[in-house]
Amino acid sequence: MIIIGCDFHPSYQQVAMFNTETGRIDDHKLMHATGEAERFYRKLASPALVGIEAVGNDQWFVSLLQKLDHEVWIGDAAQIRASYVRKQKTDRRDAKHILQLLIDGRFPRIWIPGARRCGIIASYSSIGISWCRYARGLRTNSNISC
């Protein structure tokens, strides 16, 4: 299995990739505009596990990974940063830190609604039912915490 820690930025991403079969760790800087990032993930055997910090401009990336049958974990950025021992940040260190949290089982994963649920939310919103009311129903009916 491939496990990837990704430090995502609007124009590029820095990734640290761990192959569980070989034990090898690789680093890559992938540009978005050239299609390099998309080609990289298309070549990976699925399912790969990709961990990223929660950011506001990553929806296209998360959708791409889900379409390619990779598992995406989105983490709480504040908790990831708080667990970082060294205060000096670089993109390469951030990607390796996210990878290490994934490997160690300490990645602070947050719940994000999937594509199906987002469609339901949008349809409820169009008829005047708020997201908060919908989410309360989810937690009550299926023990999902938001």
Protein backbone atom coordinates (compact mmCIF):
# COMPACT_ATOMS: atom_id res chain seq x y z
CA MET A 1 0.00 0.00 0.00
CA ILE A 2 1.08 3.57 -0.63
CA ILE A 3 0.62 6.20 2.10
CA ILE A 4 1.06 9.86 1.17
CA GLY A 5 1.41 12.96 3.31
CA CYS A 6 0.50 15.99 1.22
CA ASP A 7 1.22 19.65 1.95
CA PHE A 8 -1.33 21.21 -0.41
CA HIS A 9 -1.03 24.73 -1.91
CA PRO A 10 -3.15 26.42 -4.61
CA SER A 11 -0.52 26.02 -7.35
CA TYR A 12 1.45 22.96 -6.19
CA GLN A 13 1.73 20.28 -3.56
CA GLN A 14 4.68 18.76 -1.74
CA VAL A 15 4.22 15.05 -1.05
CA ALA A 16 6.04 12.49 1.05
CA MET A 17 5.19 8.96 -0.11
CA PHE A 18 5.74 5.73 1.84
CA ASN A 19 5.55 2.32 0.18
CA THR A 20 4.60 -0.21 2.88
CA GLU A 21 5.90 -3.13 0.81
CA THR A 22 9.41 -1.78 0.23
CA GLY A 23 9.74 0.64 3.15
CA ARG A 24 10.89 3.35 0.75
CA ILE A 25 10.03 7.03 1.30
CA ASP A 26 10.08 9.47 -1.64
CA ASP A 27 9.53 13.23 -1.88
CA HIS A 28 7.91 15.00 -4.83
CA LYS A 29 6.88 18.56 -5.63
CA LEU A 30 3.89 18.38 -8.00
CA MET A 31 2.60 21.34 -10.00
CA HIS A 32 -1.14 21.64 -10.59
CA ALA A 33 -1.26 23.85 -13.72
CA THR A 34 0.87 21.47 -15.79
CA GLY A 35 -1.22 18.43 -14.82
CA GLU A 36 1.75 16.87 -13.05
CA ALA A 37 -0.20 16.22 -9.84
CA GLU A 38 -3.10 14.55 -11.66
CA ARG A 39 -0.72 12.32 -13.69
CA PHE A 40 1.09 11.34 -10.49
CA TYR A 41 -2.08 10.15 -8.76
CA ARG A 42 -3.42 8.41 -11.88
CA LYS A 43 -0.25 6.28 -11.99
CA LEU A 44 -0.60 5.12 -8.38
CA ALA A 45 -2.08 1.73 -7.71
CA SER A 46 -5.31 2.22 -5.81
CA PRO A 47 -6.23 2.40 -3.12
CA ALA A 48 -3.52 4.73 -1.80
CA LEU A 49 -4.10 6.62 1.44
CA VAL A 50 -3.59 10.38 1.06
CA GLY A 51 -3.61 12.67 4.08
CA ILE A 52 -3.93 16.45 3.73
CA GLU A 53 -4.60 19.39 6.01
CA ALA A 54 -8.03 20.93 5.78
CA VAL A 55 -7.83 23.91 3.43
CA GLY A 56 -10.55 25.74 1.55
CA ASN A 57 -9.32 25.27 -2.02
CA ASP A 58 -8.82 21.51 -2.23
CA GLN A 59 -12.26 20.31 -3.39
CA TRP A 60 -11.12 19.55 -6.95
CA PHE A 61 -8.18 17.56 -5.56
CA VAL A 62 -10.28 15.55 -3.10
CA SER A 63 -12.80 14.79 -5.89
CA LEU A 64 -9.99 13.64 -8.19
CA LEU A 65 -8.58 11.27 -5.57
CA GLN A 66 -12.00 9.83 -4.79
CA LYS A 67 -12.70 9.32 -8.50
CA LEU A 68 -9.38 7.42 -8.76
CA ASP A 69 -10.44 5.21 -5.80
CA HIS A 70 -7.79 6.56 -3.44
CA GLU A 71 -8.70 7.05 0.21
CA VAL A 72 -8.53 10.69 1.34
CA TRP A 73 -8.14 11.70 4.95
CA ILE A 74 -8.51 15.37 5.76
CA GLY A 75 -6.90 16.49 8.99
CA ASP A 76 -7.44 19.32 11.43
CA ALA A 77 -4.74 21.85 10.47
CA ALA A 78 -4.44 23.29 13.99
CA GLN A 79 -3.94 19.85 15.56
CA ILE A 80 -1.41 18.86 12.90
CA ARG A 81 0.55 22.06 13.54
CA ALA A 82 0.32 21.62 17.33
CA SER A 83 1.80 18.11 17.07
CA TYR A 84 4.80 19.46 15.16
CA VAL A 85 7.85 19.47 17.45
CA ARG A 86 10.07 21.65 15.30
CA LYS A 87 8.68 25.16 14.87
CA GLN A 88 10.52 26.00 11.63
CA LYS A 89 8.18 25.07 8.78
CA THR A 90 9.06 23.99 5.26
CA ASP A 91 6.77 22.33 2.74
CA ARG A 92 8.94 19.21 2.68
CA ARG A 93 8.91 18.91 6.49
CA ASP A 94 5.15 19.49 6.59
CA ALA A 95 4.53 16.68 4.07
CA LYS A 96 6.81 14.31 6.01
CA HIS A 97 5.11 15.26 9.27
CA ILE A 98 1.66 14.49 7.84
CA LEU A 99 3.01 11.18 6.52
CA GLN A 100 4.46 10.32 9.95
CA LEU A 101 1.13 11.07 11.64
CA LEU A 102 -0.61 8.73 9.16
CA ILE A 103 1.94 5.95 9.71
CA ASP A 104 1.80 6.31 13.51
CA GLY A 105 -2.01 6.35 13.59
CA ARG A 106 -2.04 9.86 15.12
CA PHE A 107 -3.48 11.76 12.14
CA PRO A 108 -6.22 14.13 13.46
CA ARG A 109 -8.85 13.17 10.90
CA ILE A 110 -11.98 15.28 10.60
CA TRP A 111 -15.29 14.23 9.15
CA ILE A 112 -16.12 15.69 5.75
CA PRO A 113 -19.39 14.83 4.00
CA GLY A 114 -18.92 12.66 0.92
CA ALA A 115 -20.17 13.53 -2.56
CA ARG A 116 -23.51 11.77 -1.99
CA ARG A 117 -24.11 13.58 1.27
CA CYS A 118 -23.11 16.92 -0.29
CA GLY A 119 -25.80 16.37 -2.92
CA ILE A 120 -28.35 15.70 -0.21
CA ILE A 121 -27.25 18.81 1.67
CA ALA A 122 -27.59 20.91 -1.48
CA SER A 123 -31.07 19.57 -2.16
CA TYR A 124 -32.16 20.26 1.43
CA SER A 125 -30.74 23.79 1.18
CA SER A 126 -32.73 24.42 -1.98
CA ILE A 127 -35.96 23.66 -0.14
CA GLY A 128 -35.05 25.72 2.92
CA ILE A 129 -33.72 23.10 5.34
CA SER A 130 -30.46 24.24 6.90
CA TRP A 131 -27.20 22.26 7.06
CA CYS A 132 -27.32 22.44 10.88
CA ARG A 133 -30.74 20.82 11.01
CA TYR A 134 -29.58 18.14 8.55
CA ALA A 135 -26.39 17.45 10.53
CA ARG A 136 -28.31 17.14 13.81
CA GLY A 137 -30.45 14.48 12.15
CA LEU A 138 -27.38 12.62 10.96
CA ARG A 139 -25.87 12.56 14.43
CA THR A 140 -29.15 11.49 15.99
CA ASN A 141 -29.89 8.79 13.44
CA SER A 142 -26.47 7.33 12.73
CA ASN A 143 -24.13 8.46 15.52
CA ILE A 144 -21.98 10.47 13.11
CA SER A 145 -20.14 13.31 14.79
CA CYS A 146 -19.49 16.50 12.87
